[in-house]
């Protein structure tokens, strides 16, 4: 079941936290709604927050900024944020922006469940 924003699936609970799957292209037009949903999920939940980005084909700088805000909100809520399943294109954006050392990024959902 999807939330009111079709870019994000309802969080799936696992023993250490929540998994949220993000869909589509994350650009300037879509980041306000994405930001609002991620901050709501961050504040409402507990434990590790895993963002599964396997279905994100494109992300611009506003998408990166949204993820940085989510990371900051997770830290304030004493939560870990883990990103997983990045496409080559999205992973390349993280490398160009030198954010690989800022975020915990893993290749698979199983790794994400074990990390953090």
Protein backbone atom coordinates (compact mmCIF):
# COMPACT_ATOMS: atom_id res chain seq x y z
CA UNK A 1 0.00 0.00 0.00
CA UNK A 2 1.47 3.34 -1.02
CA UNK A 3 1.38 6.57 0.94
CA UNK A 4 -0.32 9.67 -0.47
CA UNK A 5 2.91 10.35 -2.37
CA UNK A 6 3.42 7.64 -4.98
CA UNK A 7 7.20 8.19 -4.90
CA UNK A 8 7.41 6.37 -1.56
CA UNK A 9 6.03 3.03 -0.42
CA UNK A 10 4.72 2.59 3.11
CA UNK A 11 7.57 1.71 5.48
CA UNK A 12 8.19 -2.00 5.86
CA UNK A 13 9.11 -2.86 9.44
CA UNK A 14 11.99 -5.22 10.13
CA UNK A 15 13.54 -6.16 13.46
CA UNK A 16 16.00 -3.23 13.54
CA UNK A 17 13.94 -0.49 11.90
CA UNK A 18 12.11 0.41 8.70
CA UNK A 19 12.66 0.06 4.97
CA UNK A 20 11.26 2.70 2.63
CA UNK A 21 11.37 2.19 -1.12
CA UNK A 22 11.64 5.34 -3.22
CA UNK A 23 10.51 5.40 -6.86
CA UNK A 24 11.00 7.53 -9.94
CA UNK A 25 13.16 10.50 -10.74
CA UNK A 26 14.07 12.76 -7.84
CA UNK A 27 14.31 16.29 -9.15
CA UNK A 28 13.53 19.85 -8.12
CA UNK A 29 9.82 19.50 -8.84
CA UNK A 30 9.42 16.34 -6.76
CA UNK A 31 11.72 16.95 -3.78
CA UNK A 32 9.32 19.05 -1.66
CA UNK A 33 6.84 16.15 -1.41
CA UNK A 34 9.64 13.62 -0.92
CA UNK A 35 11.23 15.75 1.81
CA UNK A 36 7.93 16.05 3.67
CA UNK A 37 7.28 12.29 3.53
CA UNK A 38 10.81 11.31 4.60
CA UNK A 39 10.83 13.73 7.52
CA UNK A 40 7.42 12.44 8.64
CA UNK A 41 8.66 8.84 8.52
CA UNK A 42 11.89 9.77 10.30
CA UNK A 43 10.07 11.46 13.17
CA UNK A 44 7.42 8.75 13.53
CA UNK A 45 9.65 5.71 13.51
CA UNK A 46 12.60 4.32 15.42
CA UNK A 47 15.70 2.29 14.73
CA UNK A 48 17.47 2.12 11.40
CA UNK A 49 15.89 3.85 8.41
CA UNK A 50 16.81 2.10 5.16
CA UNK A 51 16.08 3.90 1.90
CA UNK A 52 15.90 1.43 -0.97
CA UNK A 53 16.73 3.44 -4.08
CA UNK A 54 16.70 0.60 -6.61
CA UNK A 55 13.85 2.23 -8.55
CA UNK A 56 15.37 5.74 -8.64
CA UNK A 57 16.66 6.32 -12.16
CA UNK A 58 17.77 9.93 -11.69
CA UNK A 59 18.56 12.33 -8.87
CA UNK A 60 19.63 15.96 -9.09
CA UNK A 61 21.22 18.21 -6.47
CA UNK A 62 17.85 18.92 -4.83
CA UNK A 63 17.45 15.18 -4.31
CA UNK A 64 20.87 15.03 -2.69
CA UNK A 65 19.91 17.96 -0.46
CA UNK A 66 16.74 16.12 0.56
CA UNK A 67 18.76 13.07 1.55
CA UNK A 68 21.18 15.25 3.54
CA UNK A 69 18.20 16.76 5.38
CA UNK A 70 16.88 13.27 6.06
CA UNK A 71 20.28 12.24 7.40
CA UNK A 72 20.33 15.26 9.73
CA UNK A 73 16.79 14.48 10.92
CA UNK A 74 17.79 10.86 11.57
CA UNK A 75 20.78 11.97 13.62
CA UNK A 76 18.56 14.28 15.70
CA UNK A 77 16.15 11.38 16.26
CA UNK A 78 19.05 9.06 17.18
CA UNK A 79 18.42 6.94 14.08
CA UNK A 80 20.82 5.54 11.51
CA UNK A 81 20.15 6.18 7.81
CA UNK A 82 21.30 3.59 5.29
CA UNK A 83 20.98 3.94 1.53
CA UNK A 84 20.92 0.81 -0.58
CA UNK A 85 20.56 -0.46 -4.12
CA UNK A 86 21.73 2.69 -5.89
CA UNK A 87 21.80 2.55 -9.68
CA UNK A 88 25.12 3.28 -11.38
CA UNK A 89 23.86 6.72 -12.38
CA UNK A 90 22.71 7.67 -8.87
CA UNK A 91 25.85 6.20 -7.31
CA UNK A 92 27.90 8.31 -9.73
CA UNK A 93 26.14 11.45 -8.48
CA UNK A 94 27.10 10.53 -4.90
CA UNK A 95 30.71 10.04 -5.99
CA UNK A 96 30.85 13.36 -7.86
CA UNK A 97 29.38 15.16 -4.84
CA UNK A 98 31.77 13.25 -2.56
CA UNK A 99 28.92 12.12 -0.33
CA UNK A 100 29.95 8.48 -0.16
CA UNK A 101 31.77 9.13 3.10
CA UNK A 102 28.85 11.10 4.57
CA UNK A 103 26.20 8.42 4.05
CA UNK A 104 26.22 4.72 4.77
CA UNK A 105 25.71 3.24 1.31
CA UNK A 106 25.45 -0.51 0.71
CA UNK A 107 24.76 -2.52 -2.43
CA UNK A 108 21.91 -4.77 -1.34
CA UNK A 109 18.86 -4.68 0.88
CA UNK A 110 20.21 -7.63 2.86
CA UNK A 111 23.42 -5.69 3.59
CA UNK A 112 21.31 -2.72 4.67
CA UNK A 113 19.35 -4.87 7.11
CA UNK A 114 22.62 -6.01 8.71
CA UNK A 115 24.33 -2.58 8.75
CA UNK A 116 23.80 0.27 11.15
